[in-house]
């Protein structure tokens, strides 16, 4: 997740636009980045009561978007319906 977090930090440094979304602002205020000796970084929260789930989801979504950039091959739902378990 290190390279994903670094990508998000690069985007955030360019002022990520979130239309003053209160929940996103709250979780982004809770998140800290820690670095290990190898230079890898990861999201971290200081207290167990703080929530960073949405920020981690945004990091994972960013990865998905970057991997599929320019790939407009359609949706899996073009060929089948929604699976119900």
N, C-alpha and C. Protein backbone atom coordinates (compact mmCIF):
# COMPACT_ATOMS: atom_id res chain seq x y z
N UNK A 1 0.82 -1.18 0.00
CA UNK A 1 0.00 0.00 0.00
C UNK A 1 0.87 1.25 0.00
N UNK A 2 2.16 1.10 0.16
CA UNK A 2 3.06 2.25 0.25
C UNK A 2 2.99 3.13 -0.98
N UNK A 3 3.12 2.53 -2.16
CA UNK A 3 3.10 3.36 -3.37
C UNK A 3 1.74 4.01 -3.57
N UNK A 4 0.67 3.35 -3.13
CA UNK A 4 -0.66 3.94 -3.23
C UNK A 4 -0.78 5.16 -2.34
N UNK A 5 -0.28 5.03 -1.12
CA UNK A 5 -0.33 6.14 -0.18
C UNK A 5 0.50 7.30 -0.69
N UNK A 6 1.65 7.00 -1.28
CA UNK A 6 2.49 8.06 -1.84
C UNK A 6 1.76 8.79 -2.97
N UNK A 7 1.03 8.04 -3.81
CA UNK A 7 0.26 8.67 -4.88
C UNK A 7 -0.82 9.58 -4.31
N UNK A 8 -1.50 9.11 -3.27
CA UNK A 8 -2.54 9.94 -2.65
C UNK A 8 -1.93 11.19 -2.04
N UNK A 9 -0.78 11.06 -1.41
CA UNK A 9 -0.13 12.23 -0.81
C UNK A 9 0.25 13.23 -1.89
N UNK A 10 0.70 12.75 -3.05
CA UNK A 10 1.01 13.66 -4.16
C UNK A 10 -0.24 14.40 -4.62
N UNK A 11 -1.35 13.67 -4.73
CA UNK A 11 -2.60 14.31 -5.13
C UNK A 11 -3.07 15.30 -4.08
N UNK A 12 -3.00 14.91 -2.82
CA UNK A 12 -3.46 15.78 -1.74
C UNK A 12 -2.62 17.05 -1.66
N UNK A 13 -1.33 16.94 -1.98
CA UNK A 13 -0.48 18.12 -1.93
C UNK A 13 -0.87 19.12 -3.01
N UNK A 14 -1.57 18.65 -4.02
CA UNK A 14 -2.07 19.54 -5.08
C UNK A 14 -3.49 19.98 -4.78
N UNK A 15 -3.89 19.84 -3.54
CA UNK A 15 -5.21 20.28 -3.07
C UNK A 15 -6.34 19.44 -3.68
N UNK A 16 -6.57 18.31 -3.07
CA UNK A 16 -7.65 17.42 -3.46
C UNK A 16 -8.99 18.13 -3.26
N UNK A 17 -9.81 18.17 -4.28
CA UNK A 17 -11.10 18.85 -4.18
C UNK A 17 -12.15 17.84 -3.70
N UNK A 18 -12.78 18.15 -2.59
CA UNK A 18 -13.79 17.25 -2.05
C UNK A 18 -15.08 17.98 -1.70
N UNK A 19 -15.25 19.19 -2.22
CA UNK A 19 -16.48 19.96 -2.02
C UNK A 19 -16.87 20.08 -0.55
N UNK A 20 -15.86 20.23 0.31
CA UNK A 20 -16.06 20.41 1.75
C UNK A 20 -16.88 19.28 2.36
N UNK A 21 -16.63 18.06 1.92
CA UNK A 21 -17.33 16.88 2.44
C UNK A 21 -16.88 16.65 3.88
N UNK A 22 -17.80 16.76 4.82
CA UNK A 22 -17.45 16.74 6.24
C UNK A 22 -16.84 15.41 6.69
N UNK A 23 -17.35 14.28 6.21
CA UNK A 23 -16.81 12.98 6.63
C UNK A 23 -15.41 12.78 6.07
N UNK A 24 -15.21 13.10 4.80
CA UNK A 24 -13.88 12.95 4.21
C UNK A 24 -12.87 13.86 4.91
N UNK A 25 -13.28 15.08 5.20
CA UNK A 25 -12.38 16.00 5.91
C UNK A 25 -12.02 15.42 7.29
N UNK A 26 -13.01 14.84 7.99
CA UNK A 26 -12.80 14.27 9.31
C UNK A 26 -11.80 13.11 9.26
N UNK A 27 -12.00 12.15 8.33
CA UNK A 27 -11.08 11.00 8.28
C UNK A 27 -9.70 11.42 7.81
N UNK A 28 -9.62 12.39 6.90
CA UNK A 28 -8.31 12.86 6.45
C UNK A 28 -7.58 13.59 7.58
N UNK A 29 -8.32 14.24 8.48
CA UNK A 29 -7.69 14.86 9.65
C UNK A 29 -7.18 13.81 10.63
N UNK A 30 -7.79 12.63 10.64
CA UNK A 30 -7.39 11.55 11.55
C UNK A 30 -6.18 10.76 11.06
N UNK A 31 -5.88 10.84 9.78
CA UNK A 31 -4.86 9.96 9.20
C UNK A 31 -3.47 10.58 9.32
N UNK A 32 -2.53 9.75 9.67
CA UNK A 32 -1.12 10.12 9.69
C UNK A 32 -0.39 9.12 8.80
N UNK A 33 0.77 9.47 8.36
CA UNK A 33 1.57 8.58 7.53
C UNK A 33 2.82 8.23 8.30
N UNK A 34 3.08 6.94 8.45
CA UNK A 34 4.32 6.51 9.10
C UNK A 34 5.21 5.86 8.05
N UNK A 35 6.51 5.97 8.27
CA UNK A 35 7.51 5.46 7.34
C UNK A 35 8.36 4.41 8.04
N UNK A 36 8.56 3.27 7.39
CA UNK A 36 9.42 2.24 7.97
C UNK A 36 10.86 2.48 7.49
N UNK A 37 11.83 1.73 8.02
CA UNK A 37 13.23 1.94 7.63
C UNK A 37 13.50 1.78 6.13
N UNK A 38 12.66 1.02 5.42
CA UNK A 38 12.85 0.82 3.99
C UNK A 38 12.25 1.95 3.16
N UNK A 39 11.62 2.92 3.82
CA UNK A 39 11.02 4.04 3.10
C UNK A 39 9.59 3.82 2.68
N UNK A 40 9.02 2.69 3.06
CA UNK A 40 7.61 2.44 2.77
C UNK A 40 6.74 3.26 3.72
N UNK A 41 5.64 3.78 3.20
CA UNK A 41 4.74 4.53 4.06
C UNK A 41 3.38 3.86 4.09
N UNK A 42 2.66 4.09 5.19
CA UNK A 42 1.32 3.54 5.30
C UNK A 42 0.47 4.46 6.15
N UNK A 43 -0.85 4.39 5.95
CA UNK A 43 -1.75 5.21 6.76
C UNK A 43 -1.77 4.69 8.20
N UNK A 44 -1.93 5.60 9.12
CA UNK A 44 -1.88 5.28 10.54
C UNK A 44 -2.82 6.22 11.28
N UNK A 45 -3.41 5.75 12.37
CA UNK A 45 -4.21 6.61 13.22
C UNK A 45 -3.64 6.56 14.63
N UNK A 46 -3.65 7.71 15.31
CA UNK A 46 -3.04 7.77 16.63
C UNK A 46 -3.87 7.07 17.70
N UNK A 47 -5.19 7.15 17.61
CA UNK A 47 -6.07 6.58 18.63
C UNK A 47 -7.00 5.57 18.00
N UNK A 48 -7.38 4.56 18.77
CA UNK A 48 -8.27 3.53 18.24
C UNK A 48 -9.66 4.08 17.95
N UNK A 49 -10.03 5.19 18.56
CA UNK A 49 -11.36 5.77 18.34
C UNK A 49 -11.45 6.57 17.06
N UNK A 50 -10.31 6.91 16.48
CA UNK A 50 -10.31 7.68 15.24
C UNK A 50 -10.59 6.75 14.06
N UNK A 51 -11.28 7.25 13.09
CA UNK A 51 -11.65 6.46 11.92
C UNK A 51 -10.87 6.93 10.70
N UNK A 52 -10.31 5.97 9.95
CA UNK A 52 -9.59 6.29 8.71
C UNK A 52 -10.04 5.40 7.56
N UNK A 53 -11.11 4.63 7.78
CA UNK A 53 -11.57 3.66 6.79
C UNK A 53 -11.83 4.30 5.43
N UNK A 54 -12.49 5.45 5.42
CA UNK A 54 -12.81 6.11 4.15
C UNK A 54 -11.55 6.56 3.43
N UNK A 55 -10.55 7.00 4.19
CA UNK A 55 -9.29 7.42 3.57
C UNK A 55 -8.57 6.22 2.97
N UNK A 56 -8.57 5.09 3.66
CA UNK A 56 -7.95 3.87 3.13
C UNK A 56 -8.72 3.40 1.89
N UNK A 57 -10.05 3.49 1.93
CA UNK A 57 -10.85 3.14 0.75
C UNK A 57 -10.50 4.05 -0.42
N UNK A 58 -10.25 5.33 -0.14
CA UNK A 58 -9.88 6.25 -1.22
C UNK A 58 -8.52 5.87 -1.80
N UNK A 59 -7.59 5.45 -0.96
CA UNK A 59 -6.28 5.01 -1.44
C UNK A 59 -6.44 3.79 -2.36
N UNK A 60 -7.28 2.84 -1.95
CA UNK A 60 -7.50 1.64 -2.75
C UNK A 60 -8.23 1.97 -4.06
N UNK A 61 -9.16 2.91 -4.00
CA UNK A 61 -9.88 3.34 -5.20
C UNK A 61 -8.95 4.02 -6.18
N UNK A 62 -8.04 4.82 -5.64
CA UNK A 62 -7.04 5.49 -6.48
C UNK A 62 -6.21 4.45 -7.23
N UNK A 63 -5.82 3.38 -6.54
CA UNK A 63 -5.06 2.30 -7.18
C UNK A 63 -5.86 1.70 -8.33
N UNK A 64 -7.11 1.41 -8.08
CA UNK A 64 -7.96 0.80 -9.11
C UNK A 64 -8.10 1.72 -10.32
N UNK A 65 -8.30 3.00 -10.06
CA UNK A 65 -8.44 3.97 -11.15
C UNK A 65 -7.16 4.08 -11.96
N UNK A 66 -6.01 4.08 -11.28
CA UNK A 66 -4.73 4.21 -11.98
C UNK A 66 -4.42 2.96 -12.79
N UNK A 67 -4.76 1.78 -12.28
CA UNK A 67 -4.52 0.54 -13.01
C UNK A 67 -5.39 0.43 -14.26
N UNK A 68 -6.58 1.00 -14.20
CA UNK A 68 -7.53 0.88 -15.31
C UNK A 68 -7.64 2.15 -16.13
N UNK A 69 -6.70 3.06 -15.97
CA UNK A 69 -6.74 4.32 -16.71
C UNK A 69 -6.73 4.04 -18.21
N UNK A 70 -7.69 4.60 -18.90
CA UNK A 70 -7.77 4.42 -20.34
C UNK A 70 -8.42 3.12 -20.77
N UNK A 71 -8.75 2.26 -19.83
CA UNK A 71 -9.38 0.98 -20.15
C UNK A 71 -10.89 1.13 -20.05
N UNK A 72 -11.52 1.39 -21.16
CA UNK A 72 -12.97 1.53 -21.19
C UNK A 72 -13.60 0.31 -21.83
N UNK A 73 -13.18 -0.86 -21.37
CA UNK A 73 -13.64 -2.11 -21.96
C UNK A 73 -15.06 -2.49 -21.57
N UNK A 74 -15.75 -1.65 -20.86
CA UNK A 74 -17.11 -1.97 -20.47
C UNK A 74 -17.16 -2.51 -19.06
N UNK A 75 -18.32 -2.91 -18.67
CA UNK A 75 -18.58 -3.39 -17.32
C UNK A 75 -18.86 -4.89 -17.35
N UNK A 76 -18.56 -5.56 -16.27
CA UNK A 76 -18.90 -6.98 -16.15
C UNK A 76 -20.41 -7.15 -16.25
N UNK A 77 -21.15 -6.12 -15.87
CA UNK A 77 -22.61 -6.20 -15.90
C UNK A 77 -23.18 -6.06 -17.31
N UNK A 78 -22.33 -5.75 -18.28
CA UNK A 78 -22.78 -5.75 -19.67
C UNK A 78 -23.08 -7.17 -20.15
N UNK A 79 -22.38 -8.16 -19.56
CA UNK A 79 -22.52 -9.55 -19.98
C UNK A 79 -23.39 -10.39 -19.04
N UNK A 80 -23.54 -9.94 -17.80
CA UNK A 80 -24.33 -10.70 -16.84
C UNK A 80 -24.98 -9.73 -15.86
N UNK A 81 -25.91 -10.23 -15.11
CA UNK A 81 -26.58 -9.42 -14.11
C UNK A 81 -25.83 -9.42 -12.79
N UNK A 82 -26.44 -8.83 -11.79
CA UNK A 82 -25.85 -8.77 -10.45
C UNK A 82 -25.94 -10.15 -9.81
N UNK A 83 -24.86 -10.58 -9.16
CA UNK A 83 -24.85 -11.85 -8.45
C UNK A 83 -25.45 -11.66 -7.07
N UNK A 84 -26.33 -12.55 -6.69
CA UNK A 84 -26.95 -12.49 -5.37
C UNK A 84 -26.57 -13.76 -4.63
N UNK A 85 -26.02 -13.59 -3.45
CA UNK A 85 -25.61 -14.74 -2.64
C UNK A 85 -26.64 -15.05 -1.60
